[in-house]
Amino acid sequence: MCANSFAIDNGSRRELTLHRTTTLPLACYETHIRQHAQGYIPLHWHDELQFVLITHGEALFQVQDQQVHVREGEGLFINSGCLHMAEAVRGYECTYICLNVAPHFVTTQELYISCVQPYIQATNVPYMLIDPQQTWGHCIKQAIRRIRQCLQERPALFEMELAVQLTSIWKSLISHGFQPEYSPAEMIKSQRIKQMLHWIHQHYADRITLDEIASVGSLSRSECCRYFRRFLKTTPLNYVADYRIQQSLILLQSESSVTEAAYQVGFNSTSYFIERFRNVMQMTPLAYKKSKRWHAPSN
């Protein structure tokens, strides 16, 4: 399974890709960041726990309102339900192994309530950097590689080996001082930003005002701006414009012209669309369209 073809609900930004093998609620695959249409992994979230192991290059991840630089050989744990995105550092390719697993599958049913649930509901640890130089981090790194190998080779009783390795990963993680804390206020903030993003992704092609975005989150204009600055390091209307650029990439890979793409995603000026596109993609929409043009094989 390749994450480069993952699907995201354009409304909620919840990833729609099923993270599972034929029979098990997990998936382990290799991701090449710059092979995505946008050149980076766009903002999304999912219920599965995610473990990342960088095999080539470096990546800058944003998880909720925090950024973390992950280097080759290092790993990253991303908690359930947390907004996250990733981009390669210095413009080079970055490749990583991505392990997504349903929370209920990391240990036995009898231990779930005491050993898993408090941690996935924690609001104080949206992510954890996995240092392979530490014993616990090295164990997680080796377990991820073993899971990848098992899924590729599928030896006898490999499902049991997967279960053993997942339990080992989880034990290593939570024994490293992962003290779960739950803050209702932080949970509300997370839900509000998701609500506002959901609304933007549903209405990006329409005229959008700051007042409308703030209203969706039951916030004042100034508080709304603070939310976007905190979680996304941008303003609400800048986020809208950048999201429109993301959506235009899909249209530019089809028969739509640059002008048609601009107006379909909500820009009311082709010249502004071209300027904004160049700033985001470092090329013009026409150059992007030509670079992605599909040529049917000749008979």
C-alpha atoms as a PDB file:
ATOM      1  CA  MET A   1       0.000   0.000   0.000  1.00  0.00           C
ATOM      2  CA  CYS A   2       1.426   3.391  -0.948  1.00  0.00           C
ATOM      3  CA  ALA A   3       0.535   6.556   0.950  1.00  0.00           C
ATOM      4  CA  ASN A   4       1.203   8.634  -2.149  1.00  0.00           C
ATOM      5  CA  SER A   5      -2.297   7.705  -3.297  1.00  0.00           C
ATOM      6  CA  PHE A   6      -4.016   8.317   0.016  1.00  0.00           C
ATOM      7  CA  ALA A   7      -7.465   9.886   0.007  1.00  0.00           C
ATOM      8  CA  ILE A   8      -8.573  12.753   2.227  1.00  0.00           C
ATOM      9  CA  ASP A   9     -12.115  13.955   2.803  1.00  0.00           C
ATOM     10  CA  ASN A  10     -12.023  17.484   1.407  1.00  0.00           C
ATOM     11  CA  GLY A  11     -14.408  18.600   4.110  1.00  0.00           C
ATOM     12  CA  SER A  12     -13.108  17.240   7.375  1.00  0.00           C
ATOM     13  CA  ARG A  13      -9.495  16.548   6.248  1.00  0.00           C
ATOM     14  CA  ARG A  14      -9.949  13.152   7.819  1.00  0.00           C
ATOM     15  CA  GLU A  15      -7.953  10.642   5.861  1.00  0.00           C
ATOM     16  CA  LEU A  16     -10.216   8.167   4.083  1.00  0.00           C
ATOM     17  CA  THR A  17      -7.540   5.621   3.202  1.00  0.00           C
ATOM     18  CA  LEU A  18      -8.207   2.359   5.019  1.00  0.00           C
ATOM     19  CA  HIS A  19      -5.109   1.644   7.090  1.00  0.00           C
ATOM     20  CA  ARG A  20      -5.367  -2.102   7.131  1.00  0.00           C
ATOM     21  CA  THR A  21      -4.238  -5.277   5.456  1.00  0.00           C
ATOM     22  CA  THR A  22      -6.875  -7.695   4.194  1.00  0.00           C
ATOM     23  CA  THR A  23      -7.552  -9.035   7.681  1.00  0.00           C
ATOM     24  CA  LEU A  24      -5.715  -6.783  10.150  1.00  0.00           C
ATOM     25  CA  PRO A  25      -6.351  -3.146  11.193  1.00  0.00           C
ATOM     26  CA  LEU A  26      -2.898  -1.862  10.304  1.00  0.00           C
ATOM     27  CA  ALA A  27      -0.896  -0.784   7.289  1.00  0.00           C
ATOM     28  CA  CYS A  28       2.825  -0.297   6.765  1.00  0.00           C
ATOM     29  CA  TYR A  29       4.073   1.403   3.617  1.00  0.00           C
ATOM     30  CA  GLU A  30       6.744   3.663   2.195  1.00  0.00           C
ATOM     31  CA  THR A  31       5.980   7.329   1.543  1.00  0.00           C
ATOM     32  CA  HIS A  32       7.892   9.680  -0.772  1.00  0.00           C
ATOM     33  CA  ILE A  33       6.895  13.177   0.321  1.00  0.00           C
ATOM     34  CA  ARG A  34       7.668  15.093  -2.852  1.00  0.00           C
ATOM     35  CA  GLN A  35       5.796  12.627  -5.064  1.00  0.00           C
ATOM     36  CA  HIS A  36       2.498  13.967  -3.741  1.00  0.00           C
ATOM     37  CA  ALA A  37       0.660  16.412  -6.000  1.00  0.00           C
ATOM     38  CA  GLN A  38       1.382  19.323  -3.656  1.00  0.00           C
ATOM     39  CA  GLY A  39       4.985  18.288  -3.070  1.00  0.00           C
ATOM     40  CA  TYR A  40       4.217  17.706   0.603  1.00  0.00           C
ATOM     41  CA  ILE A  41       1.837  15.689   2.787  1.00  0.00           C
ATOM     42  CA  PRO A  42      -1.206  17.949   3.235  1.00  0.00           C
ATOM     43  CA  LEU A  43      -2.956  18.580   6.522  1.00  0.00           C
ATOM     44  CA  HIS A  44      -5.113  15.644   7.619  1.00  0.00           C
ATOM     45  CA  TRP A  45      -5.991  13.467  10.586  1.00  0.00           C
ATOM     46  CA  HIS A  46      -7.128   9.902  11.297  1.00  0.00           C
ATOM     47  CA  ASP A  47      -8.117   7.743  14.244  1.00  0.00           C
ATOM     48  CA  GLU A  48      -5.173   5.383  13.787  1.00  0.00           C
ATOM     49  CA  LEU A  49      -1.937   5.772  15.702  1.00  0.00           C
ATOM     50  CA  GLN A  50       0.936   6.610  13.368  1.00  0.00           C
ATOM     51  CA  PHE A  51       4.591   5.675  13.638  1.00  0.00           C
ATOM     52  CA  VAL A  52       7.048   7.174  11.154  1.00  0.00           C
ATOM     53  CA  LEU A  53      10.624   6.058  10.485  1.00  0.00           C
ATOM     54  CA  ILE A  54      12.723   8.313   8.222  1.00  0.00           C
ATOM     55  CA  THR A  55      14.824   6.187   5.861  1.00  0.00           C
ATOM     56  CA  HIS A  56      16.150   8.965   3.611  1.00  0.00           C
ATOM     57  CA  GLY A  57      16.396  12.729   3.982  1.00  0.00           C
ATOM     58  CA  GLU A  58      14.755  14.897   6.616  1.00  0.00           C
ATOM     59  CA  ALA A  59      11.202  16.084   7.215  1.00  0.00           C
ATOM     60  CA  LEU A  60       9.470  18.856   9.070  1.00  0.00           C
ATOM     61  CA  PHE A  61       6.246  17.611  10.616  1.00  0.00           C
ATOM     62  CA  GLN A  62       3.539  19.775  12.082  1.00  0.00           C
ATOM     63  CA  VAL A  63       1.341  18.004  14.629  1.00  0.00           C
ATOM     64  CA  GLN A  64      -1.496  20.068  16.074  1.00  0.00           C
ATOM     65  CA  ASP A  65       0.202  23.394  16.900  1.00  0.00           C
ATOM     66  CA  GLN A  66       3.742  22.045  17.202  1.00  0.00           C
ATOM     67  CA  GLN A  67       6.532  21.522  14.685  1.00  0.00           C
ATOM     68  CA  VAL A  68       9.203  18.852  14.889  1.00  0.00           C
ATOM     69  CA  HIS A  69      12.251  18.249  12.689  1.00  0.00           C
ATOM     70  CA  VAL A  70      12.796  14.527  12.074  1.00  0.00           C
ATOM     71  CA  ARG A  71      16.126  13.411  10.633  1.00  0.00           C
ATOM     72  CA  GLU A  72      17.213  10.282   8.802  1.00  0.00           C
ATOM     73  CA  GLY A  73      17.162   7.306  11.156  1.00  0.00           C
ATOM     74  CA  GLU A  74      14.803   8.994  13.613  1.00  0.00           C
ATOM     75  CA  GLY A  75      11.141   8.241  14.108  1.00  0.00           C
ATOM     76  CA  LEU A  76       7.955   9.979  15.163  1.00  0.00           C
ATOM     77  CA  PHE A  77       4.812   8.884  16.970  1.00  0.00           C
ATOM     78  CA  ILE A  78       1.631  10.810  16.089  1.00  0.00           C
ATOM     79  CA  ASN A  79      -1.304  10.306  18.418  1.00  0.00           C
ATOM     80  CA  SER A  80      -4.831   9.398  17.366  1.00  0.00           C
ATOM     81  CA  GLY A  81      -6.984  12.222  15.994  1.00  0.00           C
ATOM     82  CA  CYS A  82      -4.183  14.791  15.773  1.00  0.00           C
ATOM     83  CA  LEU A  83      -3.964  17.127  12.789  1.00  0.00           C
ATOM     84  CA  HIS A  84      -0.646  16.687  11.011  1.00  0.00           C
ATOM     85  CA  MET A  85       1.240  17.443   7.817  1.00  0.00           C
ATOM     86  CA  ALA A  86       4.806  16.974   6.565  1.00  0.00           C
ATOM     87  CA  GLU A  87       7.248  18.481   4.121  1.00  0.00           C
ATOM     88  CA  ALA A  88      10.752  17.539   3.068  1.00  0.00           C
ATOM     89  CA  VAL A  89      13.530  19.722   4.454  1.00  0.00           C
ATOM     90  CA  ARG A  90      15.620  21.834   2.060  1.00  0.00           C
ATOM     91  CA  GLY A  91      13.456  20.853  -0.895  1.00  0.00           C
ATOM     92  CA  TYR A  92      15.020  17.393  -1.280  1.00  0.00           C
ATOM     93  CA  GLU A  93      13.159  14.114  -1.363  1.00  0.00           C
ATOM     94  CA  CYS A  94      12.351  12.485   1.949  1.00  0.00           C
ATOM     95  CA  THR A  95      11.278   8.886   2.271  1.00  0.00           C
ATOM     96  CA  TYR A  96       9.860   7.234   5.335  1.00  0.00           C
ATOM     97  CA  ILE A  97       8.201   4.041   6.489  1.00  0.00           C
ATOM     98  CA  CYS A  98       4.736   4.784   7.812  1.00  0.00           C
ATOM     99  CA  LEU A  99       3.003   2.403  10.205  1.00  0.00           C
ATOM    100  CA  ASN A 100      -0.657   3.139  10.921  1.00  0.00           C
ATOM    101  CA  VAL A 101      -2.491   0.954  13.405  1.00  0.00           C
ATOM    102  CA  ALA A 102      -5.913   0.994  15.038  1.00  0.00           C
ATOM    103  CA  PRO A 103      -5.504   1.725  18.769  1.00  0.00           C
ATOM    104  CA  HIS A 104      -7.375  -1.401  19.804  1.00  0.00           C
ATOM    105  CA  PHE A 105      -4.841  -3.585  17.983  1.00  0.00           C
ATOM    106  CA  VAL A 106      -1.697  -2.596  19.916  1.00  0.00           C
ATOM    107  CA  THR A 107      -2.501  -4.790  22.895  1.00  0.00           C
ATOM    108  CA  THR A 108      -5.069  -7.270  24.160  1.00  0.00           C
ATOM    109  CA  GLN A 109      -8.683  -6.273  24.769  1.00  0.00           C
ATOM    110  CA  GLU A 110      -8.240  -6.800  28.497  1.00  0.00           C
ATOM    111  CA  LEU A 111      -5.417  -4.237  28.669  1.00  0.00           C
ATOM    112  CA  TYR A 112      -6.905  -1.644  26.322  1.00  0.00           C
ATOM    113  CA  ILE A 113      -8.743   0.450  28.932  1.00  0.00           C
ATOM    114  CA  SER A 114      -5.761   0.726  31.278  1.00  0.00           C
ATOM    115  CA  CYS A 115      -2.823   0.694  28.861  1.00  0.00           C
ATOM    116  CA  VAL A 116      -4.091   2.363  25.682  1.00  0.00           C
ATOM    117  CA  GLN A 117      -7.203   4.462  26.187  1.00  0.00           C
ATOM    118  CA  PRO A 118      -5.684   6.997  28.635  1.00  0.00           C
ATOM    119  CA  TYR A 119      -2.854   7.671  26.196  1.00  0.00           C
ATOM    120  CA  ILE A 120      -4.880   8.163  23.028  1.00  0.00           C
ATOM    121  CA  GLN A 121      -7.207  10.514  24.902  1.00  0.00           C
ATOM    122  CA  ALA A 122      -4.266  12.510  26.290  1.00  0.00           C
ATOM    123  CA  THR A 123      -4.108  16.135  25.172  1.00  0.00           C
ATOM    124  CA  ASN A 124      -0.573  16.803  26.396  1.00  0.00           C
ATOM    125  CA  VAL A 125       1.316  14.540  23.961  1.00  0.00           C
ATOM    126  CA  PRO A 126       0.184  14.916  20.333  1.00  0.00           C
ATOM    127  CA  TYR A 127       3.505  13.430  19.200  1.00  0.00           C
ATOM    128  CA  MET A 128       6.748  11.979  20.476  1.00  0.00           C
ATOM    129  CA  LEU A 129      10.116  12.052  18.709  1.00  0.00           C
ATOM    130  CA  ILE A 130      11.670   8.591  18.611  1.00  0.00           C
ATOM    131  CA  ASP A 131      15.425   8.712  19.191  1.00  0.00           C
ATOM    132  CA  PRO A 132      17.143   5.535  17.901  1.00  0.00           C
ATOM    133  CA  GLN A 133      20.155   6.294  20.112  1.00  0.00           C
ATOM    134  CA  GLN A 134      17.995   5.566  23.163  1.00  0.00           C
ATOM    135  CA  THR A 135      17.242   1.934  24.031  1.00  0.00           C
ATOM    136  CA  TRP A 136      13.470   2.421  23.864  1.00  0.00           C
ATOM    137  CA  GLY A 137      13.732   4.256  20.538  1.00  0.00           C
ATOM    138  CA  HIS A 138      15.993   1.602  19.041  1.00  0.00           C
ATOM    139  CA  CYS A 139      13.466  -1.083  20.052  1.00  0.00           C
ATOM    140  CA  ILE A 140      10.653   0.797  18.305  1.00  0.00           C
ATOM    141  CA  LYS A 141      12.773   1.307  15.169  1.00  0.00           C
ATOM    142  CA  GLN A 142      13.626  -2.392  14.968  1.00  0.00           C
ATOM    143  CA  ALA A 143      10.002  -3.404  15.570  1.00  0.00           C
ATOM    144  CA  ILE A 144       8.757  -1.137  12.749  1.00  0.00           C
ATOM    145  CA  ARG A 145      11.273  -2.708  10.365  1.00  0.00           C
ATOM    146  CA  ARG A 146      10.258  -6.193  11.509  1.00  0.00           C
ATOM    147  CA  ILE A 147       6.573  -5.393  10.888  1.00  0.00           C
ATOM    148  CA  ARG A 148       7.445  -4.101   7.408  1.00  0.00           C
ATOM    149  CA  GLN A 149       9.379  -7.291   6.691  1.00  0.00           C
ATOM    150  CA  CYS A 150       6.570  -9.534   7.971  1.00  0.00           C
ATOM    151  CA  LEU A 151       3.985  -7.817   5.800  1.00  0.00           C
ATOM    152  CA  GLN A 152       6.213  -8.179   2.741  1.00  0.00           C
ATOM    153  CA  GLU A 153       7.276 -11.788   3.291  1.00  0.00           C
ATOM    154  CA  ARG A 154       4.243 -13.110   5.212  1.00  0.00           C
ATOM    155  CA  PRO A 155       5.925 -16.083   6.914  1.00  0.00           C
ATOM    156  CA  ALA A 156       3.945 -18.677   8.836  1.00  0.00           C
ATOM    157  CA  LEU A 157       2.009 -17.139  11.746  1.00  0.00           C
ATOM    158  CA  PHE A 158       3.120 -13.637  10.717  1.00  0.00           C
ATOM    159  CA  GLU A 159      -0.076 -12.189  12.203  1.00  0.00           C
ATOM    160  CA  MET A 160       1.048 -13.286  15.655  1.00  0.00           C
ATOM    161  CA  GLU A 161       4.473 -11.771  15.046  1.00  0.00           C
ATOM    162  CA  LEU A 162       2.803  -8.482  14.117  1.00  0.00           C
ATOM    163  CA  ALA A 163       0.837  -8.527  17.368  1.00  0.00           C
ATOM    164  CA  VAL A 164       4.034  -9.197  19.355  1.00  0.00           C
ATOM    165  CA  GLN A 165       5.906  -6.355  17.668  1.00  0.00           C
ATOM    166  CA  LEU A 166       3.030  -3.886  18.127  1.00  0.00           C
ATOM    167  CA  THR A 167       2.814  -4.645  21.819  1.00  0.00           C
ATOM    168  CA  SER A 168       6.592  -4.174  22.051  1.00  0.00           C
ATOM    169  CA  ILE A 169       6.325  -0.776  20.330  1.00  0.00           C
ATOM    170  CA  TRP A 170       3.550   0.384  22.621  1.00  0.00           C
ATOM    171  CA  LYS A 171       5.299  -0.811  25.764  1.00  0.00           C
ATOM    172  CA  SER A 172       8.508   0.967  24.730  1.00  0.00           C
ATOM    173  CA  LEU A 173       6.599   4.163  24.029  1.00  0.00           C
ATOM    174  CA  ILE A 174       4.537   4.445  27.200  1.00  0.00           C
ATOM    175  CA  SER A 175       7.343   3.247  29.471  1.00  0.00           C
ATOM    176  CA  HIS A 176       9.446   6.175  28.276  1.00  0.00           C
ATOM    177  CA  GLY A 177       7.656   8.617  30.553  1.00  0.00           C
ATOM    178  CA  PHE A 178       4.567   9.243  28.445  1.00  0.00           C
ATOM    179  CA  GLN A 179       2.397  10.572  31.278  1.00  0.00           C
ATOM    180  CA  PRO A 180      -1.129  11.108  29.908  1.00  0.00           C
ATOM    181  CA  GLU A 181      -3.014  14.244  30.857  1.00  0.00           C
ATOM    182  CA  TYR A 182      -6.451  15.280  29.669  1.00  0.00           C
ATOM    183  CA  SER A 183      -7.515  18.898  29.336  1.00  0.00           C
ATOM    184  CA  PRO A 184     -11.157  19.526  28.304  1.00  0.00           C
ATOM    185  CA  ALA A 185     -10.147  23.043  27.207  1.00  0.00           C
ATOM    186  CA  GLU A 186      -7.462  21.704  24.856  1.00  0.00           C
ATOM    187  CA  MET A 187      -9.884  19.134  23.444  1.00  0.00           C
ATOM    188  CA  ILE A 188     -12.419  21.889  22.720  1.00  0.00           C
ATOM    189  CA  LYS A 189      -9.749  23.938  20.927  1.00  0.00           C
ATOM    190  CA  SER A 190      -8.809  20.937  18.800  1.00  0.00           C
ATOM    191  CA  GLN A 191     -12.440  20.336  17.921  1.00  0.00           C
ATOM    192  CA  ARG A 192     -12.983  24.005  17.039  1.00  0.00           C
ATOM    193  CA  ILE A 193     -10.062  24.191  14.627  1.00  0.00           C
ATOM    194  CA  LYS A 194     -11.276  20.988  12.964  1.00  0.00           C
ATOM    195  CA  GLN A 195     -14.774  22.480  12.654  1.00  0.00           C
ATOM    196  CA  MET A 196     -13.453  25.640  11.038  1.00  0.00           C
ATOM    197  CA  LEU A 197     -11.237  23.688   8.656  1.00  0.00           C
ATOM    198  CA  HIS A 198     -14.136  21.408   7.777  1.00  0.00           C
ATOM    199  CA  TRP A 199     -16.290  24.410   6.900  1.00  0.00           C
ATOM    200  CA  ILE A 200     -13.546  25.993   4.776  1.00  0.00           C
ATOM    201  CA  HIS A 201     -13.000  22.763   2.888  1.00  0.00           C
ATOM    202  CA  GLN A 202     -16.718  22.557   2.156  1.00  0.00           C
ATOM    203  CA  HIS A 203     -17.034  26.186   0.995  1.00  0.00           C
ATOM    204  CA  TYR A 204     -13.609  27.082  -0.456  1.00  0.00           C
ATOM    205  CA  ALA A 205     -15.093  27.726  -3.920  1.00  0.00           C
ATOM    206  CA  ASP A 206     -17.456  30.371  -2.496  1.00  0.00           C
ATOM    207  CA  ARG A 207     -16.731  33.846  -1.233  1.00  0.00           C
ATOM    208  CA  ILE A 208     -15.467  33.404   2.343  1.00  0.00           C
ATOM    209  CA  THR A 209     -15.121  36.053   5.029  1.00  0.00           C
ATOM    210  CA  LEU A 210     -13.290  36.056   8.334  1.00  0.00           C
ATOM    211  CA  ASP A 211     -16.606  36.625  10.127  1.00  0.00           C
ATOM    212  CA  GLU A 212     -18.029  33.415   8.649  1.00  0.00           C
ATOM    213  CA  ILE A 213     -15.022  31.339   9.665  1.00  0.00           C
ATOM    214  CA  ALA A 214     -15.058  32.742  13.192  1.00  0.00           C
ATOM    215  CA  SER A 215     -18.783  32.078  13.508  1.00  0.00           C
ATOM    216  CA  VAL A 216     -18.306  28.399  12.677  1.00  0.00           C
ATOM    217  CA  GLY A 217     -15.874  28.084  15.587  1.00  0.00           C
ATOM    218  CA  SER A 218     -18.068  30.210  17.894  1.00  0.00           C
ATOM    219  CA  LEU A 219     -15.178  32.650  18.194  1.00  0.00           C
ATOM    220  CA  SER A 220     -14.538  36.339  17.777  1.00  0.00           C
ATOM    221  CA  ARG A 221     -12.542  37.486  14.756  1.00  0.00           C
ATOM    222  CA  SER A 222      -9.415  38.060  16.843  1.00  0.00           C
ATOM    223  CA  GLU A 223      -9.708  34.722  18.644  1.00  0.00           C
ATOM    224  CA  CYS A 224     -10.235  32.960  15.324  1.00  0.00           C
ATOM    225  CA  CYS A 225      -7.010  34.494  14.023  1.00  0.00           C
ATOM    226  CA  ARG A 226      -5.186  33.343  17.164  1.00  0.00           C
ATOM    227  CA  TYR A 227      -6.403  29.777  16.582  1.00  0.00           C
ATOM    228  CA  PHE A 228      -5.061  29.743  13.026  1.00  0.00           C
ATOM    229  CA  ARG A 229      -1.783  31.314  14.095  1.00  0.00           C
ATOM    230  CA  ARG A 230      -1.388  28.699  16.797  1.00  0.00           C
ATOM    231  CA  PHE A 231      -2.369  25.589  14.847  1.00  0.00           C
ATOM    232  CA  LEU A 232      -1.458  26.505  11.271  1.00  0.00           C
ATOM    233  CA  LYS A 233       1.047  29.379  11.540  1.00  0.00           C
ATOM    234  CA  THR A 234      -1.015  31.489   9.153  1.00  0.00           C
ATOM    235  CA  THR A 235      -4.141  33.642   9.001  1.00  0.00           C
ATOM    236  CA  PRO A 236      -7.599  32.229   8.235  1.00  0.00           C
ATOM    237  CA  LEU A 237      -7.855  33.936   4.835  1.00  0.00           C
ATOM    238  CA  ASN A 238      -4.304  33.005   3.863  1.00  0.00           C
ATOM    239  CA  TYR A 239      -5.186  29.415   4.706  1.00  0.00           C
ATOM    240  CA  VAL A 240      -8.249  29.676   2.456  1.00  0.00           C
ATOM    241  CA  ALA A 241      -6.130  30.963  -0.440  1.00  0.00           C
ATOM    242  CA  ASP A 242      -3.499  28.234   0.010  1.00  0.00           C
ATOM    243  CA  TYR A 243      -6.179  25.548   0.239  1.00  0.00           C
ATOM    244  CA  ARG A 244      -7.661  26.821  -3.022  1.00  0.00           C
ATOM    245  CA  ILE A 245      -4.228  26.385  -4.609  1.00  0.00           C
ATOM    246  CA  GLN A 246      -4.154  22.782  -3.356  1.00  0.00           C
ATOM    247  CA  GLN A 247      -7.517  22.110  -4.961  1.00  0.00           C
ATOM    248  CA  SER A 248      -6.472  23.748  -8.224  1.00  0.00           C
ATOM    249  CA  LEU A 249      -3.715  21.151  -8.649  1.00  0.00           C
ATOM    250  CA  ILE A 250      -6.352  18.510  -9.267  1.00  0.00           C
ATOM    251  CA  LEU A 251      -8.052  20.625 -11.928  1.00  0.00           C
ATOM    252  CA  LEU A 252      -4.782  21.544 -13.634  1.00  0.00           C
ATOM    253  CA  GLN A 253      -4.044  17.852 -14.117  1.00  0.00           C
ATOM    254  CA  SER A 254      -7.301  17.581 -16.090  1.00  0.00           C
ATOM    255  CA  GLU A 255      -8.571  19.441 -19.139  1.00  0.00           C
ATOM    256  CA  SER A 256      -9.331  22.640 -17.189  1.00  0.00           C
ATOM    257  CA  SER A 257      -7.543  25.767 -18.334  1.00  0.00           C
ATOM    258  CA  VAL A 258      -5.689  28.009 -15.900  1.00  0.00           C
ATOM    259  CA  THR A 259      -8.559  30.509 -15.900  1.00  0.00           C
ATOM    260  CA  GLU A 260     -11.185  27.789 -15.410  1.00  0.00           C
ATOM    261  CA  ALA A 261      -9.221  26.300 -12.522  1.00  0.00           C
ATOM    262  CA  ALA A 262      -8.829  29.711 -10.893  1.00  0.00           C
ATOM    263  CA  TYR A 263     -12.540  30.491 -10.877  1.00  0.00           C
ATOM    264  CA  GLN A 264     -13.633  26.954  -9.956  1.00  0.00           C
ATOM    265  CA  VAL A 265     -11.600  27.025  -6.735  1.00  0.00           C
ATOM    266  CA  GLY A 266     -12.813  30.475  -5.695  1.00  0.00           C
ATOM    267  CA  PHE A 267     -10.363  33.030  -7.088  1.00  0.00           C
ATOM    268  CA  ASN A 268     -12.081  35.957  -8.789  1.00  0.00           C
ATOM    269  CA  SER A 269      -8.892  37.103 -10.539  1.00  0.00           C
ATOM    270  CA  THR A 270      -6.746  34.954 -12.801  1.00  0.00           C
ATOM    271  CA  SER A 271      -3.744  37.223 -12.306  1.00  0.00           C
ATOM    272  CA  TYR A 272      -3.966  36.919  -8.518  1.00  0.00           C
ATOM    273  CA  PHE A 273      -4.353  33.146  -8.849  1.00  0.00           C
ATOM    274  CA  ILE A 274      -1.185  32.974 -10.960  1.00  0.00           C
ATOM    275  CA  GLU A 275       0.717  35.150  -8.477  1.00  0.00           C
ATOM    276  CA  ARG A 276      -0.456  33.120  -5.496  1.00  0.00           C
ATOM    277  CA  PHE A 277       0.233  29.836  -7.275  1.00  0.00           C
ATOM    278  CA  ARG A 278       3.781  30.905  -8.119  1.00  0.00           C
ATOM    279  CA  ASN A 279       4.462  31.868  -4.515  1.00  0.00           C
ATOM    280  CA  VAL A 280       3.241  28.481  -3.233  1.00  0.00           C
ATOM    281  CA  MET A 281       4.479  26.125  -5.968  1.00  0.00           C
ATOM    282  CA  GLN A 282       7.525  28.060  -7.258  1.00  0.00           C
ATOM    283  CA  MET A 283       6.173  27.785 -10.797  1.00  0.00           C
ATOM    284  CA  THR A 284       3.248  29.135 -12.777  1.00  0.00           C
ATOM    285  CA  PRO A 285      -0.026  27.194 -13.110  1.00  0.00           C
ATOM    286  CA  LEU A 286       0.681  26.694 -16.809  1.00  0.00           C
ATOM    287  CA  ALA A 287       4.143  25.294 -16.112  1.00  0.00           C
ATOM    288  CA  TYR A 288       2.637  22.960 -13.517  1.00  0.00           C
ATOM    289  CA  LYS A 289      -0.046  21.853 -15.966  1.00  0.00           C
ATOM    290  CA  LYS A 290       2.553  21.083 -18.629  1.00  0.00           C
ATOM    291  CA  SER A 291       4.708  19.162 -16.140  1.00  0.00           C
ATOM    292  CA  LYS A 292       1.754  16.964 -15.169  1.00  0.00           C
ATOM    293  CA  ARG A 293       0.275  16.493 -18.628  1.00  0.00           C
ATOM    294  CA  TRP A 294      -0.533  12.876 -19.340  1.00  0.00           C
ATOM    295  CA  HIS A 295       0.379  11.498 -22.754  1.00  0.00           C
ATOM    296  CA  ALA A 296      -1.520   8.458 -23.882  1.00  0.00           C
ATOM    297  CA  PRO A 297       0.760   5.701 -25.255  1.00  0.00           C
ATOM    298  CA  SER A 298       0.792   5.482 -29.023  1.00  0.00           C
ATOM    299  CA  ASN A 299      -0.613   2.398 -30.687  1.00  0.00           C
END
